[in-house]
Protein backbone atom coordinates (compact mmCIF):
# COMPACT_ATOMS: atom_id res chain seq x y z
CA MET A 1 0.05 -0.13 0.05
CA SER A 2 1.15 3.62 -1.22
CA LYS A 3 2.37 6.07 1.82
CA GLU A 4 0.23 9.11 1.94
CA LEU A 5 2.34 12.24 1.38
CA LEU A 6 -0.14 15.31 0.96
CA ARG A 7 -3.94 15.18 1.69
CA ILE A 8 -6.20 18.27 1.18
CA GLU A 9 -9.57 18.16 2.93
CA ASN A 10 -12.42 20.33 2.05
CA LEU A 11 -10.04 23.35 1.12
CA SER A 12 -11.61 26.50 0.37
CA ALA A 13 -9.47 29.60 -0.22
CA GLY A 14 -9.59 32.91 -2.20
CA VAL A 15 -8.13 36.42 -2.42
CA GLU A 16 -9.19 39.93 -1.31
CA GLY A 17 -12.41 38.46 -0.28
CA LYS A 18 -13.26 36.81 -3.54
CA GLU A 19 -13.63 32.84 -3.06
CA ILE A 20 -11.56 30.83 -5.75
CA LEU A 21 -11.13 27.33 -4.16
CA LYS A 22 -14.56 25.42 -3.04
CA ASN A 23 -14.09 22.53 -0.91
CA ILE A 24 -10.83 21.10 -2.51
CA ASN A 25 -9.93 17.51 -1.80
CA LEU A 26 -6.94 15.76 -2.86
CA LYS A 27 -4.61 13.03 -2.00
CA VAL A 28 -1.04 12.37 -3.41
CA ASN A 29 1.23 9.37 -2.15
CA TYR A 30 4.62 8.84 -2.40
CA GLY A 31 6.13 8.11 -6.08
CA GLU A 32 3.20 9.46 -7.63
CA VAL A 33 3.11 12.19 -10.44
CA HIS A 34 -0.33 14.27 -10.61
CA VAL A 35 -1.59 16.42 -13.26
CA ILE A 36 -4.00 19.48 -12.66
CA MET A 37 -5.45 20.97 -15.51
CA GLY A 38 -8.19 23.44 -16.09
CA PRO A 39 -9.21 26.73 -18.09
CA ASN A 40 -7.59 29.87 -16.99
CA GLY A 41 -8.93 31.27 -13.96
CA SER A 42 -10.05 28.01 -12.64
CA GLY A 43 -8.31 27.91 -9.81
CA LYS A 44 -5.03 25.81 -10.61
CA SER A 45 -2.28 28.42 -9.71
CA THR A 46 -4.29 29.58 -6.67
CA LEU A 47 -4.19 25.79 -5.32
CA ALA A 48 -0.62 25.65 -5.72
CA ASN A 49 -0.18 28.69 -4.12
CA VAL A 50 -2.33 28.10 -1.18
CA ILE A 51 -0.29 24.65 -0.59
CA MET A 52 2.86 26.64 -0.14
CA ASN A 53 0.66 29.31 2.24
CA ASN A 54 1.37 32.35 -0.15
CA PRO A 55 0.24 35.15 2.37
CA GLU A 56 -1.97 36.54 -0.69
CA TYR A 57 -4.29 33.76 -0.21
CA THR A 58 -6.72 33.38 2.35
CA VAL A 59 -7.69 29.93 3.49
CA THR A 60 -11.66 30.08 4.86
CA ASN A 61 -11.84 26.17 5.14
CA GLY A 62 -10.14 22.99 5.42
CA GLU A 63 -6.73 21.35 6.26
CA ILE A 64 -3.88 20.47 4.62
CA TYR A 65 -2.04 17.41 5.95
CA PHE A 66 1.82 16.85 4.62
CA ASP A 67 3.64 13.39 5.31
CA GLY A 68 0.84 12.73 8.24
CA GLU A 69 1.19 16.27 9.91
CA ASP A 70 -1.32 18.95 9.79
CA ILE A 71 0.66 22.04 8.16
CA SER A 72 -2.60 24.18 7.93
CA GLU A 73 -1.22 26.91 10.16
CA LEU A 74 2.56 26.83 9.12
CA SER A 75 4.51 29.60 7.32
CA THR A 76 5.89 29.07 3.82
CA ASP A 77 9.66 28.59 5.29
CA LYS A 78 8.53 25.99 7.61
CA ARG A 79 6.45 24.24 4.90
CA ALA A 80 9.44 24.22 2.63
CA ARG A 81 11.65 22.81 5.54
CA LYS A 82 9.31 19.97 5.73
CA GLY A 83 9.77 19.43 1.76
CA LEU A 84 7.45 21.34 -0.30
CA PHE A 85 8.71 23.07 -3.44
CA MET A 86 7.11 25.15 -5.85
CA THR A 87 7.87 26.49 -9.32
CA PHE A 88 6.25 29.61 -10.86
CA GLN A 89 4.72 30.44 -14.06
CA THR A 90 6.76 33.42 -14.51
CA PRO A 91 9.82 33.20 -12.16
CA ILE A 92 11.19 36.25 -10.81
CA GLU A 93 14.37 38.22 -11.41
CA VAL A 94 16.74 38.91 -8.60
CA SER A 95 19.73 41.30 -8.66
CA GLY A 96 22.39 41.02 -6.47
CA ILE A 97 22.45 37.22 -5.98
CA SER A 98 23.77 34.44 -8.04
CA VAL A 99 21.90 31.44 -9.07
CA GLU A 100 24.60 29.44 -6.99
CA ASN A 101 24.22 31.55 -3.99
CA PHE A 102 20.69 31.41 -4.12
CA ILE A 103 20.45 27.65 -4.39
CA ARG A 104 23.00 27.18 -1.55
CA THR A 105 21.21 29.44 0.76
CA ALA A 106 17.98 27.88 0.13
CA LYS A 107 19.51 24.47 0.74
CA SER A 108 21.30 25.33 3.99
CA SER A 109 18.10 26.85 5.11
CA VAL A 110 16.03 23.63 4.36
CA GLU A 111 18.63 21.56 5.56
CA ASP A 112 19.16 23.79 8.50
CA LYS A 113 22.88 23.22 8.17
CA ASN A 114 25.90 24.56 6.44
CA ILE A 115 26.38 23.51 2.81
CA PRO A 116 30.22 23.22 2.13
CA ILE A 117 30.99 25.45 -0.97
CA LEU A 118 33.14 23.16 -3.03
CA SER A 119 31.26 19.92 -2.75
CA PHE A 120 27.87 21.92 -3.54
CA LYS A 121 29.69 23.61 -6.55
CA LYS A 122 30.45 20.24 -8.00
CA ASP A 123 27.08 18.98 -7.46
CA LEU A 124 25.56 21.97 -8.94
CA GLU A 125 27.62 21.83 -12.25
CA LYS A 126 26.90 18.08 -12.56
CA GLU A 127 23.13 18.66 -12.69
CA MET A 128 23.66 22.00 -15.05
CA ASP A 129 25.36 19.56 -17.26
CA LYS A 130 22.43 17.31 -17.37
CA LEU A 131 19.96 20.11 -18.27
CA TYR A 132 22.20 21.31 -21.00
CA MET A 133 23.01 24.98 -18.78
CA ASP A 134 26.16 26.60 -19.26
CA HIS A 135 27.94 26.88 -16.02
CA SER A 136 28.12 30.55 -16.29
CA TYR A 137 24.69 30.76 -15.42
CA ALA A 138 25.58 29.72 -11.90
CA SER A 139 27.31 32.85 -11.34
CA ARG A 140 24.42 35.38 -12.91
CA TYR A 141 22.29 37.15 -11.06
CA LEU A 142 18.98 34.84 -10.45
CA ASN A 143 16.85 34.88 -13.65
CA GLU A 144 18.45 38.30 -14.92
CA GLY A 145 18.65 38.14 -18.58
CA PHE A 146 17.55 34.71 -18.86
CA SER A 147 15.54 33.59 -21.39
CA GLY A 148 12.06 31.83 -20.74
CA GLY A 149 13.54 28.43 -21.39
CA GLU A 150 16.67 29.21 -19.26
CA MET A 151 14.38 30.48 -16.24
CA LYS A 152 12.43 27.16 -16.47
CA LYS A 153 15.58 24.97 -16.21
CA ASN A 154 16.69 27.14 -13.67
CA GLU A 155 13.82 26.13 -11.32
CA ILE A 156 14.34 22.51 -12.42
CA LEU A 157 17.85 22.94 -11.30
CA GLN A 158 16.68 24.49 -7.90
CA MET A 159 14.25 21.25 -7.66
CA LEU A 160 17.10 18.97 -8.13
CA MET A 161 19.69 20.67 -5.91
CA LEU A 162 16.99 20.98 -3.20
CA ASN A 163 15.47 17.58 -3.38
CA PRO A 164 12.04 18.12 -1.94
CA LYS A 165 9.33 15.52 -0.88
CA LEU A 166 6.98 17.08 -2.87
CA ALA A 167 7.57 19.25 -6.11
CA ILE A 168 4.87 21.89 -7.53
CA LEU A 169 5.55 22.74 -10.78
CA ASP A 170 3.07 25.52 -11.97
CA GLU A 171 3.24 25.89 -15.71
CA THR A 172 6.79 25.17 -16.02
CA ASP A 173 6.31 23.86 -19.62
CA SER A 174 4.91 27.52 -20.50
CA GLY A 175 6.54 28.83 -23.47
CA LEU A 176 9.33 25.90 -23.82
CA ASP A 177 10.03 24.83 -27.24
CA VAL A 178 10.18 21.15 -28.13
CA ASP A 179 13.93 20.51 -27.00
CA ALA A 180 13.63 22.38 -23.67
CA THR A 181 10.45 20.65 -22.75
CA LYS A 182 12.49 17.33 -23.16
CA ILE A 183 15.08 18.48 -21.09
CA VAL A 184 12.93 19.62 -18.26
CA ALA A 185 10.82 16.48 -18.55
CA THR A 186 14.30 14.31 -18.29
CA GLY A 187 15.02 16.43 -15.08
CA ILE A 188 11.60 15.59 -13.59
CA GLU A 189 11.98 12.08 -14.53
CA ARG A 190 15.54 12.05 -12.59
CA PHE A 191 13.88 13.77 -9.72
CA LEU A 192 10.97 11.27 -9.09
CA ASN A 193 11.48 8.22 -7.01
CA LYS A 194 9.72 6.33 -4.37
CA ASP A 195 10.46 8.80 -1.74
CA ASN A 196 8.91 12.03 -3.42
CA ALA A 197 5.96 13.05 -5.47
CA VAL A 198 5.20 15.65 -8.40
CA ILE A 199 2.19 17.75 -8.86
CA ILE A 200 2.24 19.19 -12.60
CA ILE A 201 -0.06 21.97 -13.37
CA THR A 202 -0.35 22.53 -17.06
CA HIS A 203 -2.73 23.62 -20.10
CA HIS A 204 -0.70 21.04 -22.62
CA LYS A 205 0.27 17.57 -22.93
CA GLU A 206 3.78 18.01 -24.35
CA LEU A 207 5.33 17.88 -21.27
CA ILE A 208 3.14 14.90 -19.84
CA LYS A 209 3.97 12.93 -22.72
CA GLU A 210 7.58 12.60 -21.34
CA VAL A 211 6.37 12.44 -17.88
CA SER A 212 3.38 9.54 -17.57
CA PRO A 213 0.92 10.93 -15.09
CA ASP A 214 -0.93 8.48 -12.20
CA TYR A 215 -3.68 10.70 -12.09
CA VAL A 216 -5.10 13.83 -14.02
CA HIS A 217 -7.46 16.20 -12.01
CA VAL A 218 -9.59 18.68 -13.75
CA ILE A 219 -10.55 22.08 -11.80
CA LEU A 220 -13.53 24.13 -12.92
CA ASN A 221 -14.70 27.09 -11.02
CA GLY A 222 -12.63 26.44 -7.92
CA ASN A 223 -13.94 22.73 -8.05
CA ILE A 224 -12.32 19.36 -8.80
CA VAL A 225 -14.87 17.65 -11.06
CA LYS A 226 -13.21 15.33 -12.66
CA GLU A 227 -10.44 12.80 -12.16
CA GLY A 228 -8.85 10.04 -14.58
CA ASP A 229 -5.61 8.93 -15.99
CA TYR A 230 -3.69 9.77 -18.94
CA THR A 231 -6.63 9.39 -21.36
CA LEU A 232 -8.48 12.05 -19.99
CA ILE A 233 -5.52 14.48 -21.21
CA ASP A 234 -6.21 13.16 -24.65
CA LYS A 235 -9.67 13.67 -24.59
CA ILE A 236 -9.31 17.40 -23.11
CA GLU A 237 -6.80 18.19 -26.18
CA GLU A 238 -9.22 17.25 -28.50
CA GLU A 239 -12.54 18.31 -27.05
CA GLY A 240 -11.53 21.25 -24.58
CA PHE A 241 -13.45 21.26 -21.39
CA ASN A 242 -17.05 21.81 -22.42
CA TRP A 243 -17.80 18.45 -22.34
CA ILE A 244 -16.64 18.25 -18.62
CA ARG A 245 -18.74 21.43 -18.03
CA GLU A 246 -21.82 19.65 -19.43
CA GLU A 247 -21.34 16.55 -17.24
CA VAL A 248 -21.30 18.64 -14.01
CA LYS A 249 -24.54 20.63 -14.75
């Protein structure tokens, strides 16, 4: 029997007084890949941000359990230390801190110990090679002047170096060409094992062609209204979401 990693119960949340998520229930076990799909504004990114406790969002109901512990009241940094990680649709640029220093500082904070510089640098360059990233990016300011593809690969680099228990990838495939998508997918495949799990939020199936999901969930108007396997993605690609809207009327 698979061990549960994440469990969300009756979660409702919103922003600035507007309810977006409505009684969301979701369970993710170790070793699983879950895909979350839905039209724009359906609540996909809100769910990701609420799991990470982005302070812009307010939870009005429900609980979040992570690795058997109720983390509903924990701050974002404490959730990260527990093993939660999230990428962003549009990664932010940070002047004054290099990619290498950013990741090393984050890893030191999450693991609550000093990370030796030389061994870290060696591991970082090894992962950069596998993502086809020039080593010079390690000394550049975080995402400053990066192309969209390099930003997304940089986030996968962070995931591989931090090695969280649960990685939430919010439209990591957005704006990627075919080659970059395959590189990112390979990074996800190398990350995934029996001791972690991945949630992929996406509009498209290009990335998922390379990373086979165990479950697919569809969000409409803040509710998870449909769940299935990979065949559900094929049908959505062919027919859109209207047939699901008709089913749930």
